[in-house]
Amino acid sequence: MAPPCFAGIDCGSWNTKAALVDAGGRLVATAVSRTGADVLGAAGRVLAELLERAGVARAEVAAVWSTGFGRHAITFADGSRTELDAHARGALHFVSGPLTVVDIGGQDAKIILIDEAGRRVSHKMNRKCAAGTGSFLEEMALRLDVKIGDLPGLAAASTEEVELGSFCTVFTGTEVLGLIRQGKRPADLARAAYRSVVKRVLEMERIEGRVVATGGVVAFHPMVVTLLEQAVGAPVTLPEHAQEMGALGVALAARAASQAEAEAAGAAGTG
């Protein structure tokens, strides 16, 4: 019989991500699916896709754990962890502490401080406004009349530095329309949108030391990482599977819990 695997599902506001690790903690496969209005359905679809990609039968999965804003709606999950715990574990899979994790998702941004022992020591979250998140970039793409996937290429053609002053996504959209009427180029406004995301993140917490970026925004908008590096004056690590970092972290949490249970059972048996 093959050693067991452990699956993690990160249900985000935009996408639901899944990751599978083997008994040794090695990442086997990942999958991503749109969340939509049916959280449980999205979780079921992404898990099925994950297992198909990995070539693993459902019976070989010892546990499925969940994280993300919709984690409690995934009724078939065997356990769960907060997004803070999951992203910290995922980042530590690639980079040892101490470090600062900057996670930028569709609806929120998080800064997680981890010490040299791999313990979370503090965190800050931005949940009051979509500014500094993926939703903000979606709104900017809409105002600039481009697809969100075309925003990075557009921003790369920027030649003039333009500042966006508003702190609210709705007001910034209005501000962008005004700047368009003033003749500002879409490319310059696209880059300004990325600078605005970085500025909002930096306002949350002082970022220092080794920095790891996670989340769908940094995975698909590398200019955010570049601008963040310029702002903090140090390299920012963008690990492989940055979008699926939370799913990886909660899969590793499931594995750790299983190992702890096995060790406890073994100790009881020899007592």
Protein backbone atom coordinates (compact mmCIF):
# COMPACT_ATOMS: atom_id res chain seq x y z
CA MET A 1 0.00 0.00 0.00
CA ALA A 2 1.31 3.44 -0.97
CA PRO A 3 2.18 5.89 1.84
CA PRO A 4 -0.63 8.35 2.57
CA CYS A 5 -0.91 11.82 1.04
CA PHE A 6 -2.35 14.99 2.57
CA ALA A 7 -4.45 17.59 0.74
CA GLY A 8 -4.98 21.24 1.51
CA ILE A 9 -7.70 23.48 0.10
CA ASP A 10 -7.50 27.27 0.27
CA CYS A 11 -10.90 28.78 -0.50
CA GLY A 12 -10.33 32.38 -1.52
CA SER A 13 -12.76 35.06 -2.65
CA TRP A 14 -11.70 34.69 -6.29
CA ASN A 15 -10.12 31.27 -6.59
CA THR A 16 -10.03 28.02 -4.66
CA LYS A 17 -6.58 26.46 -4.59
CA ALA A 18 -5.51 22.95 -3.68
CA ALA A 19 -2.18 21.27 -2.93
CA LEU A 20 -1.17 17.68 -2.27
CA VAL A 21 1.89 16.63 -0.27
CA ASP A 22 3.19 13.13 0.28
CA ALA A 23 4.15 11.47 3.56
CA GLY A 24 7.57 13.13 3.40
CA GLY A 25 6.12 16.62 2.92
CA ARG A 26 7.05 16.84 -0.77
CA LEU A 27 4.67 18.86 -2.94
CA VAL A 28 3.10 16.44 -5.42
CA ALA A 29 0.59 18.59 -7.31
CA THR A 30 -1.51 21.76 -7.21
CA ALA A 31 -4.77 22.89 -8.79
CA VAL A 32 -6.76 26.12 -9.03
CA SER A 33 -10.46 26.68 -9.75
CA ARG A 34 -12.76 29.71 -9.70
CA THR A 35 -14.65 29.93 -6.40
CA GLY A 36 -17.87 31.51 -7.61
CA ALA A 37 -20.97 31.42 -5.41
CA ASP A 38 -20.76 27.69 -4.60
CA VAL A 39 -17.84 27.33 -2.18
CA LEU A 40 -18.42 23.66 -1.44
CA GLY A 41 -18.79 22.86 -5.13
CA ALA A 42 -15.57 24.71 -5.97
CA ALA A 43 -13.73 22.79 -3.24
CA GLY A 44 -15.00 19.49 -4.60
CA ARG A 45 -13.99 20.37 -8.16
CA VAL A 46 -10.51 21.53 -7.26
CA LEU A 47 -9.89 18.44 -5.12
CA ALA A 48 -10.96 16.16 -7.98
CA GLU A 49 -8.65 18.03 -10.38
CA LEU A 50 -5.80 17.86 -7.88
CA LEU A 51 -6.07 14.09 -7.47
CA GLU A 52 -6.34 13.58 -11.22
CA ARG A 53 -3.18 15.62 -11.80
CA ALA A 54 -1.35 13.70 -9.11
CA GLY A 55 -2.63 10.32 -10.25
CA VAL A 56 -3.75 9.61 -6.70
CA ALA A 57 -6.95 7.88 -5.61
CA ARG A 58 -9.13 9.53 -2.98
CA ALA A 59 -8.55 6.54 -0.69
CA GLU A 60 -4.82 7.35 -0.65
CA VAL A 61 -5.47 10.77 0.91
CA ALA A 62 -5.21 10.45 4.67
CA ALA A 63 -6.69 13.89 5.39
CA VAL A 64 -8.05 16.99 3.66
CA TRP A 65 -7.70 20.26 5.54
CA SER A 66 -9.04 23.69 4.61
CA THR A 67 -8.12 27.35 4.96
CA GLY A 68 -9.26 30.64 3.47
CA PHE A 69 -12.38 32.74 3.90
CA GLY A 70 -14.64 29.83 2.96
CA ARG A 71 -12.89 27.12 4.96
CA HIS A 72 -15.84 26.47 7.28
CA ALA A 73 -18.14 25.81 4.32
CA ILE A 74 -16.00 22.87 3.16
CA THR A 75 -17.91 20.25 5.12
CA PHE A 76 -15.82 17.30 3.91
CA ALA A 77 -12.61 18.78 5.35
CA ASP A 78 -11.07 16.87 8.26
CA GLY A 79 -9.57 19.97 9.82
CA SER A 80 -8.73 23.61 9.16
CA ARG A 81 -6.22 26.35 9.86
CA THR A 82 -6.33 30.13 9.57
CA GLU A 83 -4.88 31.81 6.50
CA LEU A 84 -2.13 33.26 8.68
CA ASP A 85 -1.02 29.82 9.82
CA ALA A 86 -1.31 28.33 6.34
CA HIS A 87 0.67 31.02 4.54
CA ALA A 88 3.34 31.02 7.22
CA ARG A 89 3.76 27.23 6.93
CA GLY A 90 3.80 27.42 3.14
CA ALA A 91 6.45 30.14 3.05
CA LEU A 92 8.61 28.26 5.56
CA HIS A 93 8.52 25.26 3.23
CA PHE A 94 10.69 27.30 0.84
CA VAL A 95 12.51 29.83 3.05
CA SER A 96 13.68 29.44 6.64
CA GLY A 97 12.95 32.09 9.26
CA PRO A 98 13.23 34.77 10.36
CA LEU A 99 11.19 36.31 7.58
CA THR A 100 8.28 38.55 6.68
CA VAL A 101 5.50 37.07 4.58
CA VAL A 102 3.56 39.52 2.41
CA ASP A 103 0.39 37.88 1.11
CA ILE A 104 -1.81 39.81 -1.33
CA GLY A 105 -5.11 38.19 -2.24
CA GLY A 106 -8.30 39.14 -4.00
CA GLN A 107 -9.95 40.87 -1.04
CA ASP A 108 -7.29 41.31 1.63
CA ALA A 109 -3.59 41.68 2.28
CA LYS A 110 -1.60 40.22 5.15
CA ILE A 111 1.83 40.75 6.63
CA ILE A 112 3.09 37.90 8.82
CA LEU A 113 6.26 38.12 10.89
CA ILE A 114 8.04 34.82 11.60
CA ASP A 115 11.00 34.38 13.94
CA GLU A 116 14.12 32.24 13.48
CA ALA A 117 12.37 29.25 15.06
CA GLY A 118 9.54 29.39 12.53
CA ARG A 119 7.00 30.82 14.98
CA ARG A 120 4.52 33.51 14.04
CA VAL A 121 5.22 36.48 16.27
CA SER A 122 2.79 39.06 14.87
CA HIS A 123 0.64 39.94 11.90
CA LYS A 124 -1.33 42.75 10.31
CA MET A 125 -4.31 42.39 7.99
CA ASN A 126 -6.10 44.81 5.71
CA ARG A 127 -9.80 43.93 5.60
CA LYS A 128 -11.46 47.33 5.77
CA CYS A 129 -10.96 48.29 2.14
CA ALA A 130 -10.10 46.52 -1.11
CA ALA A 131 -7.33 49.04 -1.84
CA GLY A 132 -4.03 47.17 -2.02
CA THR A 133 -5.65 43.91 -3.15
CA GLY A 134 -6.53 42.05 -6.32
CA SER A 135 -10.00 43.61 -6.38
CA PHE A 136 -8.36 47.02 -6.65
CA LEU A 137 -6.39 45.89 -9.70
CA GLU A 138 -9.56 44.44 -11.23
CA GLU A 139 -11.23 47.83 -10.82
CA MET A 140 -8.25 49.62 -12.35
CA ALA A 141 -8.22 47.28 -15.34
CA LEU A 142 -11.94 47.97 -15.82
CA ARG A 143 -11.35 51.74 -15.73
CA LEU A 144 -8.48 51.42 -18.23
CA ASP A 145 -10.61 49.19 -20.48
CA VAL A 146 -8.18 46.26 -20.50
CA LYS A 147 -8.35 42.68 -19.29
CA ILE A 148 -6.74 42.09 -15.93
CA GLY A 149 -4.25 39.75 -17.58
CA ASP A 150 -3.10 42.58 -19.87
CA LEU A 151 -2.39 44.99 -17.01
CA PRO A 152 1.25 43.87 -16.44
CA GLY A 153 2.18 44.37 -20.10
CA LEU A 154 0.47 47.75 -20.17
CA ALA A 155 2.29 48.94 -17.04
CA ALA A 156 5.62 47.82 -18.48
CA ALA A 157 5.26 50.50 -21.18
CA SER A 158 5.02 53.31 -18.62
CA THR A 159 7.28 56.33 -19.15
CA GLU A 160 5.86 58.85 -16.67
CA GLU A 161 5.35 58.53 -12.92
CA VAL A 162 1.76 59.25 -11.93
CA GLU A 163 0.50 59.18 -8.34
CA LEU A 164 -2.91 57.96 -7.24
CA GLY A 165 -3.90 59.76 -4.06
CA SER A 166 -7.20 58.18 -3.01
CA PHE A 167 -7.29 55.53 -0.28
CA CYS A 168 -10.54 53.96 -1.49
CA THR A 169 -10.97 51.71 -4.53
CA VAL A 170 -14.18 53.46 -5.59
CA PHE A 171 -12.70 56.93 -5.23
CA THR A 172 -9.51 55.87 -6.98
CA GLY A 173 -11.58 54.67 -9.93
CA THR A 174 -13.09 58.13 -10.15
CA GLU A 175 -9.63 59.67 -9.83
CA VAL A 176 -8.35 57.52 -12.70
CA LEU A 177 -11.19 58.72 -14.94
CA GLY A 178 -10.22 62.29 -14.14
CA LEU A 179 -6.57 61.60 -14.99
CA ILE A 180 -7.61 60.00 -18.29
CA ARG A 181 -9.51 63.18 -19.15
CA GLN A 182 -6.32 65.12 -18.37
CA GLY A 183 -4.53 63.09 -21.02
CA LYS A 184 -2.57 60.69 -18.81
CA ARG A 185 -1.55 57.53 -20.63
CA PRO A 186 -3.13 54.19 -19.66
CA ALA A 187 0.35 52.64 -19.30
CA ASP A 188 1.35 55.24 -16.71
CA LEU A 189 -1.93 54.78 -14.85
CA ALA A 190 -1.46 51.00 -14.83
CA ARG A 191 1.96 51.33 -13.23
CA ALA A 192 0.51 53.85 -10.79
CA ALA A 193 -2.05 51.23 -9.77
CA TYR A 194 0.74 48.78 -8.93
CA ARG A 195 2.57 51.44 -6.93
CA SER A 196 -0.65 52.11 -5.05
CA VAL A 197 -0.95 48.43 -4.09
CA VAL A 198 2.60 48.41 -2.73
CA LYS A 199 2.05 51.69 -0.88
CA ARG A 200 -1.06 50.34 0.86
CA VAL A 201 0.81 47.20 1.93
CA LEU A 202 3.76 49.18 3.30
CA GLU A 203 1.37 51.31 5.36
CA MET A 204 0.20 48.20 7.23
CA GLU A 205 3.51 47.26 8.87
CA ARG A 206 7.20 48.00 8.65
CA ILE A 207 8.77 45.39 6.39
CA GLU A 208 12.35 44.37 7.05
CA GLY A 209 14.65 41.37 6.84
CA ARG A 210 14.02 38.48 4.49
CA VAL A 211 10.73 38.96 2.62
CA VAL A 212 8.60 36.32 0.91
CA ALA A 213 5.66 37.30 -1.29
CA THR A 214 2.65 35.00 -1.67
CA GLY A 215 -0.84 35.12 -3.18
CA GLY A 216 -2.40 35.33 -6.60
CA VAL A 217 -1.61 39.02 -7.07
CA VAL A 218 2.16 38.58 -6.86
CA ALA A 219 1.97 35.36 -8.87
CA PHE A 220 0.37 37.09 -11.86
CA HIS A 221 1.55 40.69 -11.39
CA PRO A 222 5.34 40.52 -10.99
CA MET A 223 5.63 44.31 -11.10
CA VAL A 224 4.20 44.32 -7.55
CA VAL A 225 7.21 42.29 -6.43
CA THR A 226 9.62 44.55 -8.31
CA LEU A 227 8.15 47.69 -6.79
CA LEU A 228 8.10 46.10 -3.34
CA GLU A 229 11.80 45.27 -3.69
CA GLN A 230 12.53 48.88 -4.63
CA ALA A 231 10.52 50.15 -1.67
CA VAL A 232 12.16 47.94 0.97
CA GLY A 233 15.61 48.07 -0.62
CA ALA A 234 16.10 44.31 -0.52
CA PRO A 235 15.29 41.22 -2.62
CA VAL A 236 11.82 39.74 -2.26
CA THR A 237 11.50 35.99 -2.70
CA LEU A 238 8.65 34.90 -4.98
CA PRO A 239 8.43 31.14 -4.34
CA GLU A 240 7.13 28.66 -6.85
CA HIS A 241 3.37 28.15 -6.50
CA ALA A 242 2.93 31.52 -4.76
CA GLN A 243 -0.79 31.45 -5.55
CA GLU A 244 -1.23 28.04 -3.91
CA MET A 245 0.88 28.88 -0.84
CA GLY A 246 -2.05 28.73 1.58
CA ALA A 247 -3.19 25.38 0.22
CA LEU A 248 0.34 24.01 0.57
CA GLY A 249 0.59 25.31 4.12
CA VAL A 250 -2.65 23.72 5.28
CA ALA A 251 -1.71 20.42 3.60
CA LEU A 252 1.54 20.51 5.58
CA ALA A 253 -0.50 21.25 8.72
CA ALA A 254 -2.61 18.14 8.06
CA ARG A 255 0.56 16.08 7.66
CA ALA A 256 2.05 17.49 10.88
CA ALA A 257 -1.12 16.71 12.83
CA SER A 258 -1.16 13.15 11.49
CA GLN A 259 2.47 12.65 12.49
CA ALA A 260 1.80 14.05 15.97
CA GLU A 261 -1.14 11.66 16.43
CA ALA A 262 0.98 8.72 15.30
CA GLU A 263 3.78 9.64 17.69
CA ALA A 264 1.33 10.06 20.56
CA ALA A 265 -0.23 6.70 19.82
CA GLY A 266 3.21 5.10 19.67
CA ALA A 267 4.20 6.60 23.00
CA ALA A 268 0.98 5.40 24.59
CA GLY A 269 1.56 1.92 23.26
CA THR A 270 4.98 1.72 24.86
CA GLY A 271 3.97 3.29 28.14
